[in-house]
Amino acid sequence: MNEGLIARRYALAMLKVARRFDAAGEVYQKMKIFEQNYISHPDLHKALMNPVLSPQDKEQLLTTAIGIDPGKLYIRGIRLLIRNHREMYIRSICLMYQKLYRKAYHIGQVKIITAMPLEEPVLDRIKKLVTDRTSREIEFVERIDPSIIGGFILRVNSMQLDMSISGELKKVKKQLEGEYPERERD
C-alpha cells in the first residue's frame, strides 16, 4: 500500500480522535517535538525496524523519543501503529498530521533558512513583515543551512523567495552557460 495513503489515513484518524477529546493542539505540539527528536536520532528508525524488538520495547522507545510526557492519546496511537505493524510509517504519519492540522486550523507556515542564526531583532522584523500581510495565523520555522553561504531563503506555504548567495551564484552560472554554450565537437 502507498506510504502517503497510509500516513494520510492514520493522520486523519488521529486528528478526528484528538478533536473529539479537544486535544488536537496538544497532539500537534507533541508531533512537532517528536519530529525534531526523530530527525536528531537517525538510529530510531533502524531500531523500529528491528524484528527482535518486542512491541513493548517499541512502545517504550517511541514514548521515550517524544522527550516529554506522551499523554494517553499519543500512547493509544503508538499502540495502534505497533499492533498494525505500521511503526515504520510513524514519521510520515507525524508529518501528515501536522499538515492536516495546519490546514484545518488555517495556519500558514513560514520557513526562514539562513547560513547562520539570525539575531532576534532581525527575526522579529521578518515575522512582523509577514504577519502584517496576512490574516492567517502564522507559524515560523527557522532553519540553519551553511550551504547557502549567506543571505536567506524565505518559504511561505508554497512560495519561495531565494535571496541566498548560493542561489545568486546558481543564477549567474546559468546566465553564463546560456551566453557561452559549449561548442559541439567534431
Protein backbone atom coordinates (compact mmCIF):
# COMPACT_ATOMS: atom_id res chain seq x y z
CA MET A 1 0.00 0.00 0.00
CA ASN A 2 1.15 3.55 -0.73
CA GLU A 3 3.06 5.17 2.16
CA GLY A 4 1.33 8.52 1.58
CA LEU A 5 -2.09 6.89 1.70
CA ILE A 6 -1.27 5.04 4.92
CA ALA A 7 0.09 8.22 6.52
CA ARG A 8 -2.96 10.22 5.47
CA ARG A 9 -5.45 7.66 6.80
CA TYR A 10 -3.75 7.36 10.18
CA ALA A 11 -3.20 11.12 10.49
CA LEU A 12 -6.84 11.85 9.64
CA ALA A 13 -8.00 9.33 12.23
CA MET A 14 -5.65 10.82 14.82
CA LEU A 15 -6.89 14.33 14.11
CA LYS A 16 -10.51 13.21 14.36
CA VAL A 17 -9.93 11.49 17.72
CA ALA A 18 -7.83 14.40 19.02
CA ARG A 19 -10.59 16.86 18.11
CA ARG A 20 -13.17 14.70 19.87
CA PHE A 21 -11.08 14.91 23.05
CA ASP A 22 -10.34 18.63 22.48
CA ALA A 23 -6.63 17.83 22.29
CA ALA A 24 -5.76 18.48 18.63
CA GLY A 25 -3.42 21.36 19.52
CA GLU A 26 -1.69 19.36 22.23
CA VAL A 27 -1.16 16.42 19.85
CA TYR A 28 0.12 18.85 17.21
CA GLN A 29 2.75 20.22 19.61
CA LYS A 30 3.82 16.69 20.55
CA MET A 31 4.08 15.73 16.88
CA LYS A 32 6.41 18.68 16.27
CA ILE A 33 8.60 17.65 19.20
CA PHE A 34 8.61 14.04 18.08
CA GLU A 35 9.60 15.09 14.54
CA GLN A 36 12.58 17.08 15.87
CA ASN A 37 13.69 14.18 18.06
CA TYR A 38 13.20 11.66 15.25
CA ILE A 39 15.43 13.69 12.93
CA SER A 40 18.13 14.16 15.57
CA HIS A 41 18.24 10.38 16.31
CA PRO A 42 18.55 8.58 12.94
CA ASP A 43 19.02 5.21 14.67
CA LEU A 44 15.43 5.37 15.91
CA HIS A 45 14.09 4.22 12.53
CA LYS A 46 16.56 1.32 12.43
CA ALA A 47 15.53 0.26 15.92
CA LEU A 48 11.84 0.31 14.99
CA MET A 49 12.53 -1.94 12.01
CA ASN A 50 14.36 -4.49 14.19
CA PRO A 51 12.24 -7.69 14.24
CA VAL A 52 13.84 -8.80 17.51
CA LEU A 53 12.39 -5.81 19.39
CA SER A 54 9.15 -6.68 21.17
CA PRO A 55 6.04 -4.50 20.76
CA GLN A 56 6.50 -3.34 24.37
CA ASP A 57 10.09 -2.30 23.64
CA LYS A 58 8.97 -0.40 20.53
CA GLU A 59 6.26 1.34 22.54
CA GLN A 60 8.82 2.29 25.20
CA LEU A 61 11.19 3.54 22.52
CA LEU A 62 8.53 5.69 20.85
CA THR A 63 7.19 7.13 24.11
CA THR A 64 10.73 7.99 25.22
CA ALA A 65 11.50 9.53 21.81
CA ILE A 66 8.94 12.27 22.31
CA GLY A 67 11.04 13.70 25.14
CA ILE A 68 8.02 14.82 27.21
CA ASP A 69 5.03 13.20 28.89
CA PRO A 70 3.35 11.46 25.95
CA GLY A 71 -0.23 11.51 27.22
CA LYS A 72 -2.99 8.95 26.72
CA LEU A 73 -3.82 9.78 23.08
CA TYR A 74 -0.21 9.50 21.98
CA ILE A 75 0.23 6.15 23.69
CA ARG A 76 -3.03 4.84 22.20
CA GLY A 77 -1.88 5.92 18.76
CA ILE A 78 1.54 4.28 19.19
CA ARG A 79 -0.06 1.03 20.33
CA LEU A 80 -2.36 1.03 17.31
CA LEU A 81 0.56 1.57 14.93
CA ILE A 82 2.59 -1.22 16.53
CA ARG A 83 -0.36 -3.62 16.62
CA ASN A 84 -0.99 -2.98 12.90
CA HIS A 85 2.75 -3.19 12.06
CA ARG A 86 2.79 0.40 10.81
CA GLU A 87 5.56 1.78 13.06
CA MET A 88 7.81 2.22 10.01
CA TYR A 89 5.43 4.96 8.82
CA ILE A 90 5.47 6.96 12.03
CA ARG A 91 7.46 9.88 10.63
CA SER A 92 5.20 10.15 7.57
CA ILE A 93 2.14 10.00 9.80
CA CYS A 94 3.62 12.65 12.07
CA LEU A 95 4.32 14.99 9.13
CA MET A 96 0.87 14.37 7.64
CA TYR A 97 -0.84 15.11 10.98
CA GLN A 98 0.98 18.43 11.17
CA LYS A 99 -0.01 19.28 7.60
CA LEU A 100 -3.66 18.36 8.17
CA TYR A 101 -3.76 20.27 11.47
CA ARG A 102 -2.37 23.45 9.86
CA LYS A 103 -4.89 23.14 7.05
CA ALA A 104 -7.83 22.50 9.41
CA TYR A 105 -6.94 25.45 11.65
CA HIS A 106 -5.84 27.81 8.83
CA ILE A 107 -2.24 28.11 9.97
CA GLY A 108 0.32 29.28 7.43
CA GLN A 109 3.88 28.11 7.72
CA VAL A 110 6.88 30.33 7.07
CA LYS A 111 10.36 28.83 6.86
CA ILE A 112 13.36 31.08 7.18
CA ILE A 113 16.57 29.42 6.06
CA THR A 114 19.86 31.18 6.79
CA ALA A 115 23.54 30.26 6.82
CA MET A 116 23.87 31.40 10.45
CA PRO A 117 21.34 32.03 13.22
CA LEU A 118 19.55 35.36 12.89
CA GLU A 119 19.65 37.94 15.66
CA GLU A 120 16.31 38.39 17.45
CA PRO A 121 15.64 41.95 16.17
CA VAL A 122 16.10 40.81 12.55
CA LEU A 123 13.92 37.74 13.06
CA ASP A 124 11.25 39.86 14.75
CA ARG A 125 11.23 42.31 11.81
CA ILE A 126 10.77 39.46 9.33
CA LYS A 127 7.96 37.99 11.43
CA LYS A 128 6.24 41.37 11.62
CA LEU A 129 6.52 41.92 7.86
CA VAL A 130 4.94 38.54 7.14
CA THR A 131 2.19 38.70 9.78
CA ASP A 132 1.19 42.25 8.76
CA ARG A 133 0.44 40.97 5.25
CA THR A 134 -1.87 38.11 6.18
CA SER A 135 -4.96 37.49 8.24
CA ARG A 136 -3.99 33.88 8.96
CA GLU A 137 -2.15 32.62 11.98
CA ILE A 138 1.48 32.10 11.02
CA GLU A 139 3.93 29.51 12.35
CA PHE A 140 7.61 30.34 11.89
CA VAL A 141 10.29 27.71 11.41
CA GLU A 142 13.90 28.80 11.44
CA ARG A 143 16.49 26.51 9.87
CA ILE A 144 20.25 26.89 9.59
CA ASP A 145 21.86 25.67 6.36
CA PRO A 146 25.51 26.71 5.89
CA SER A 147 25.41 25.56 2.23
CA ILE A 148 23.50 28.73 1.24
CA ILE A 149 26.69 30.66 2.18
CA GLY A 150 24.85 33.86 3.13
CA GLY A 151 21.59 35.71 2.71
CA PHE A 152 18.31 33.87 3.27
CA ILE A 153 15.59 31.75 1.74
CA LEU A 154 12.04 32.57 2.78
CA ARG A 155 9.31 29.99 2.14
CA VAL A 156 5.71 30.99 2.72
CA ASN A 157 3.47 27.96 2.19
CA SER A 158 4.27 27.02 -1.44
CA MET A 159 6.03 30.27 -2.45
CA GLN A 160 9.77 30.82 -2.13
CA LEU A 161 11.98 33.90 -2.13
CA ASP A 162 15.63 32.90 -2.57
CA MET A 163 17.97 35.72 -1.62
CA SER A 164 20.86 33.42 -0.75
CA ILE A 165 24.38 33.77 -2.09
CA SER A 166 24.30 30.19 -3.38
CA GLY A 167 21.04 30.99 -5.21
CA GLU A 168 22.58 34.07 -6.79
CA LEU A 169 25.67 32.08 -7.82
CA LYS A 170 23.43 29.50 -9.49
CA LYS A 171 21.66 32.28 -11.42
CA VAL A 172 24.98 33.74 -12.59
CA LYS A 173 26.19 30.28 -13.63
CA LYS A 174 23.00 29.69 -15.60
CA GLN A 175 23.36 33.06 -17.35
CA LEU A 176 26.99 32.38 -18.22
CA GLU A 177 26.15 28.94 -19.56
CA GLY A 178 23.41 30.50 -21.70
CA GLU A 179 25.78 33.12 -23.14
CA TYR A 180 28.67 30.74 -23.71
CA PRO A 181 27.22 27.35 -24.66
CA GLU A 182 29.77 24.62 -25.20
CA ARG A 183 30.58 24.17 -28.84
CA GLU A 184 29.84 20.84 -30.34
CA ARG A 185 32.99 18.93 -31.13
CA ASP A 186 33.51 17.28 -34.48
